[in-house]
Amino acid sequence: MAGDFVLDCISESNRYRANEARSAPLESYAADSARIDAQANKPHQHFTSANGGGVSIAENEFLNAAAFSTLTNQAAIQTAISLFYSEGPGGGHFENMMGYANLGCGIYRTATAITVVQDFR
């Protein structure tokens, strides 16, 4: 099931970017980051403490957005990626999305919150 949402995240990301390389190692790392950071309620904790785990060199994160019953995972993904992109050139999230060829997404959801992570190389 999580795989479907990862594919949604990859597809939505690639609507904005020409670089379309999907990376299984980055997806695994992003899934761990989403879970660890959501549970700690601290953005980029996993990425920072593991120095990208030898896999990722940049990360975007939409941490613990309120997950009310009508918020779909797809809507959270679309919102996160739109916000990252809307920073425009010079914005860190935008530059990450547009500057790296390889992408992995991770999603972690509880009854009350959803976290979306993009990891890049």
C-alpha atoms as a PDB file:
ATOM      1  CA  MET A   1       0.000   0.000   0.000  1.00  0.00           C
ATOM      2  CA  ALA A   2       2.774   2.452   0.843  1.00  0.00           C
ATOM      3  CA  GLY A   3       4.235   1.715  -2.587  1.00  0.00           C
ATOM      4  CA  ASP A   4       1.189   3.261  -4.260  1.00  0.00           C
ATOM      5  CA  PHE A   5       1.675   6.486  -2.333  1.00  0.00           C
ATOM      6  CA  VAL A   6       5.393   6.501  -3.094  1.00  0.00           C
ATOM      7  CA  LEU A   7       4.538   6.257  -6.787  1.00  0.00           C
ATOM      8  CA  ASP A   8       2.049   9.130  -6.344  1.00  0.00           C
ATOM      9  CA  CYS A   9       4.810  11.204  -4.763  1.00  0.00           C
ATOM     10  CA  ILE A  10       7.312  10.375  -7.517  1.00  0.00           C
ATOM     11  CA  SER A  11       4.757  11.134 -10.238  1.00  0.00           C
ATOM     12  CA  GLU A  12       3.669  14.399  -8.622  1.00  0.00           C
ATOM     13  CA  SER A  13       7.293  15.473  -8.150  1.00  0.00           C
ATOM     14  CA  ASN A  14       8.085  14.720 -11.769  1.00  0.00           C
ATOM     15  CA  ARG A  15       5.204  16.899 -12.967  1.00  0.00           C
ATOM     16  CA  TYR A  16       7.456  19.789 -11.900  1.00  0.00           C
ATOM     17  CA  ARG A  17      10.852  18.470 -12.908  1.00  0.00           C
ATOM     18  CA  ALA A  18      12.527  17.030 -15.964  1.00  0.00           C
ATOM     19  CA  ASN A  19      14.714  14.705 -13.899  1.00  0.00           C
ATOM     20  CA  GLU A  20      12.749  11.505 -13.592  1.00  0.00           C
ATOM     21  CA  ALA A  21      15.121   8.958 -12.060  1.00  0.00           C
ATOM     22  CA  ARG A  22      13.428   6.957  -9.319  1.00  0.00           C
ATOM     23  CA  SER A  23      15.745   5.415  -6.731  1.00  0.00           C
ATOM     24  CA  ALA A  24      14.838   2.415  -4.566  1.00  0.00           C
ATOM     25  CA  PRO A  25      17.622   3.143  -2.021  1.00  0.00           C
ATOM     26  CA  LEU A  26      16.396   6.742  -1.706  1.00  0.00           C
ATOM     27  CA  GLU A  27      12.809   5.529  -1.301  1.00  0.00           C
ATOM     28  CA  SER A  28      13.836   3.242   1.534  1.00  0.00           C
ATOM     29  CA  TYR A  29      15.814   6.012   3.198  1.00  0.00           C
ATOM     30  CA  ALA A  30      12.967   8.523   2.756  1.00  0.00           C
ATOM     31  CA  ALA A  31      10.475   6.066   4.287  1.00  0.00           C
ATOM     32  CA  ASP A  32      12.723   5.696   7.334  1.00  0.00           C
ATOM     33  CA  SER A  33      13.141   9.478   7.546  1.00  0.00           C
ATOM     34  CA  ALA A  34       9.388  10.082   7.369  1.00  0.00           C
ATOM     35  CA  ARG A  35       8.730   7.616  10.193  1.00  0.00           C
ATOM     36  CA  ILE A  36      11.644   8.640  12.436  1.00  0.00           C
ATOM     37  CA  ASP A  37      11.115  12.382  11.999  1.00  0.00           C
ATOM     38  CA  ALA A  38       7.343  12.144  12.479  1.00  0.00           C
ATOM     39  CA  GLN A  39       7.748  10.176  15.688  1.00  0.00           C
ATOM     40  CA  ALA A  40      10.371  12.646  16.974  1.00  0.00           C
ATOM     41  CA  ASN A  41       8.366  15.611  15.627  1.00  0.00           C
ATOM     42  CA  LYS A  42      11.657  17.054  14.374  1.00  0.00           C
ATOM     43  CA  PRO A  43      12.295  17.780  10.688  1.00  0.00           C
ATOM     44  CA  HIS A  44      15.379  16.236   9.096  1.00  0.00           C
ATOM     45  CA  GLN A  45      16.439  14.480  12.315  1.00  0.00           C
ATOM     46  CA  HIS A  46      17.189  11.206  10.536  1.00  0.00           C
ATOM     47  CA  PHE A  47      18.915  12.920   7.605  1.00  0.00           C
ATOM     48  CA  THR A  48      21.080  15.081   9.877  1.00  0.00           C
ATOM     49  CA  SER A  49      21.967  12.409  12.421  1.00  0.00           C
ATOM     50  CA  ALA A  50      22.828   9.858   9.723  1.00  0.00           C
ATOM     51  CA  ASN A  51      24.433  12.407   7.367  1.00  0.00           C
ATOM     52  CA  GLY A  52      22.128  11.219   4.591  1.00  0.00           C
ATOM     53  CA  GLY A  53      22.868   7.575   5.381  1.00  0.00           C
ATOM     54  CA  GLY A  54      25.407   7.442   2.573  1.00  0.00           C
ATOM     55  CA  VAL A  55      22.447   7.565   0.187  1.00  0.00           C
ATOM     56  CA  SER A  56      20.877  11.021   0.222  1.00  0.00           C
ATOM     57  CA  ILE A  57      22.606  14.364  -0.253  1.00  0.00           C
ATOM     58  CA  ALA A  58      19.507  16.581   0.057  1.00  0.00           C
ATOM     59  CA  GLU A  59      16.061  16.299   1.606  1.00  0.00           C
ATOM     60  CA  ASN A  60      12.695  18.063   1.581  1.00  0.00           C
ATOM     61  CA  GLU A  61      10.164  17.384   4.299  1.00  0.00           C
ATOM     62  CA  PHE A  62       6.534  18.199   5.048  1.00  0.00           C
ATOM     63  CA  LEU A  63       6.409  17.213   8.722  1.00  0.00           C
ATOM     64  CA  ASN A  64       3.354  16.110  10.677  1.00  0.00           C
ATOM     65  CA  ALA A  65       0.684  17.960   8.754  1.00  0.00           C
ATOM     66  CA  ALA A  66      -2.700  17.561  10.403  1.00  0.00           C
ATOM     67  CA  ALA A  67      -4.287  14.415   8.979  1.00  0.00           C
ATOM     68  CA  PHE A  68      -7.995  14.850   9.441  1.00  0.00           C
ATOM     69  CA  SER A  69     -10.245  12.112   8.132  1.00  0.00           C
ATOM     70  CA  THR A  70     -10.921  13.742   4.771  1.00  0.00           C
ATOM     71  CA  LEU A  71      -7.264  14.478   3.929  1.00  0.00           C
ATOM     72  CA  THR A  72      -6.045  11.877   1.487  1.00  0.00           C
ATOM     73  CA  ASN A  73      -2.413  10.872   1.195  1.00  0.00           C
ATOM     74  CA  GLN A  74      -2.501  12.085  -2.404  1.00  0.00           C
ATOM     75  CA  ALA A  75      -3.733  15.530  -1.326  1.00  0.00           C
ATOM     76  CA  ALA A  76      -0.990  15.788   1.300  1.00  0.00           C
ATOM     77  CA  ILE A  77       1.612  14.811  -1.311  1.00  0.00           C
ATOM     78  CA  GLN A  78       0.276  17.374  -3.789  1.00  0.00           C
ATOM     79  CA  THR A  79       0.267  20.100  -1.129  1.00  0.00           C
ATOM     80  CA  ALA A  80       3.801  19.337   0.047  1.00  0.00           C
ATOM     81  CA  ILE A  81       5.299  19.247  -3.421  1.00  0.00           C
ATOM     82  CA  SER A  82       3.436  22.368  -4.505  1.00  0.00           C
ATOM     83  CA  LEU A  83       4.796  24.206  -1.457  1.00  0.00           C
ATOM     84  CA  PHE A  84       8.341  23.018  -2.165  1.00  0.00           C
ATOM     85  CA  TYR A  85       8.111  24.125  -5.787  1.00  0.00           C
ATOM     86  CA  SER A  86       6.431  27.450  -5.007  1.00  0.00           C
ATOM     87  CA  GLU A  87       9.588  28.676  -3.263  1.00  0.00           C
ATOM     88  CA  GLY A  88      10.977  29.255  -6.756  1.00  0.00           C
ATOM     89  CA  PRO A  89      14.602  29.570  -7.817  1.00  0.00           C
ATOM     90  CA  GLY A  90      16.890  30.194  -4.863  1.00  0.00           C
ATOM     91  CA  GLY A  91      14.530  28.476  -2.412  1.00  0.00           C
ATOM     92  CA  GLY A  92      16.119  25.428  -0.840  1.00  0.00           C
ATOM     93  CA  HIS A  93      13.209  23.050  -1.414  1.00  0.00           C
ATOM     94  CA  PHE A  94      12.825  24.204  -5.019  1.00  0.00           C
ATOM     95  CA  GLU A  95      16.555  23.843  -5.671  1.00  0.00           C
ATOM     96  CA  ASN A  96      16.525  20.319  -4.231  1.00  0.00           C
ATOM     97  CA  MET A  97      13.599  19.310  -6.437  1.00  0.00           C
ATOM     98  CA  MET A  98      15.090  20.744  -9.579  1.00  0.00           C
ATOM     99  CA  GLY A  99      18.780  20.131  -8.985  1.00  0.00           C
ATOM    100  CA  TYR A 100      19.140  16.395  -8.463  1.00  0.00           C
ATOM    101  CA  ALA A 101      18.558  13.536 -10.884  1.00  0.00           C
ATOM    102  CA  ASN A 102      17.625  10.795  -8.406  1.00  0.00           C
ATOM    103  CA  LEU A 103      14.560  10.941  -6.177  1.00  0.00           C
ATOM    104  CA  GLY A 104      12.997   8.799  -3.483  1.00  0.00           C
ATOM    105  CA  CYS A 105       9.813   9.571  -1.554  1.00  0.00           C
ATOM    106  CA  GLY A 106       8.633   8.385   1.828  1.00  0.00           C
ATOM    107  CA  ILE A 107       5.256   8.834   3.496  1.00  0.00           C
ATOM    108  CA  TYR A 108       4.340   8.159   7.112  1.00  0.00           C
ATOM    109  CA  ARG A 109       0.801   8.566   8.383  1.00  0.00           C
ATOM    110  CA  THR A 110      -0.820   8.184  11.764  1.00  0.00           C
ATOM    111  CA  ALA A 111      -4.422   8.875  12.719  1.00  0.00           C
ATOM    112  CA  THR A 112      -3.573  12.534  13.343  1.00  0.00           C
ATOM    113  CA  ALA A 113      -0.596  13.466  11.168  1.00  0.00           C
ATOM    114  CA  ILE A 114       1.105  12.823   7.844  1.00  0.00           C
ATOM    115  CA  THR A 115       4.738  13.351   6.869  1.00  0.00           C
ATOM    116  CA  VAL A 116       6.022  13.451   3.303  1.00  0.00           C
ATOM    117  CA  VAL A 117       9.763  13.229   2.600  1.00  0.00           C
ATOM    118  CA  GLN A 118      11.688  13.592  -0.633  1.00  0.00           C
ATOM    119  CA  ASP A 119      15.326  12.477  -0.654  1.00  0.00           C
ATOM    120  CA  PHE A 120      17.680  13.299  -3.507  1.00  0.00           C
ATOM    121  CA  ARG A 121      21.018  12.317  -5.004  1.00  0.00           C
END
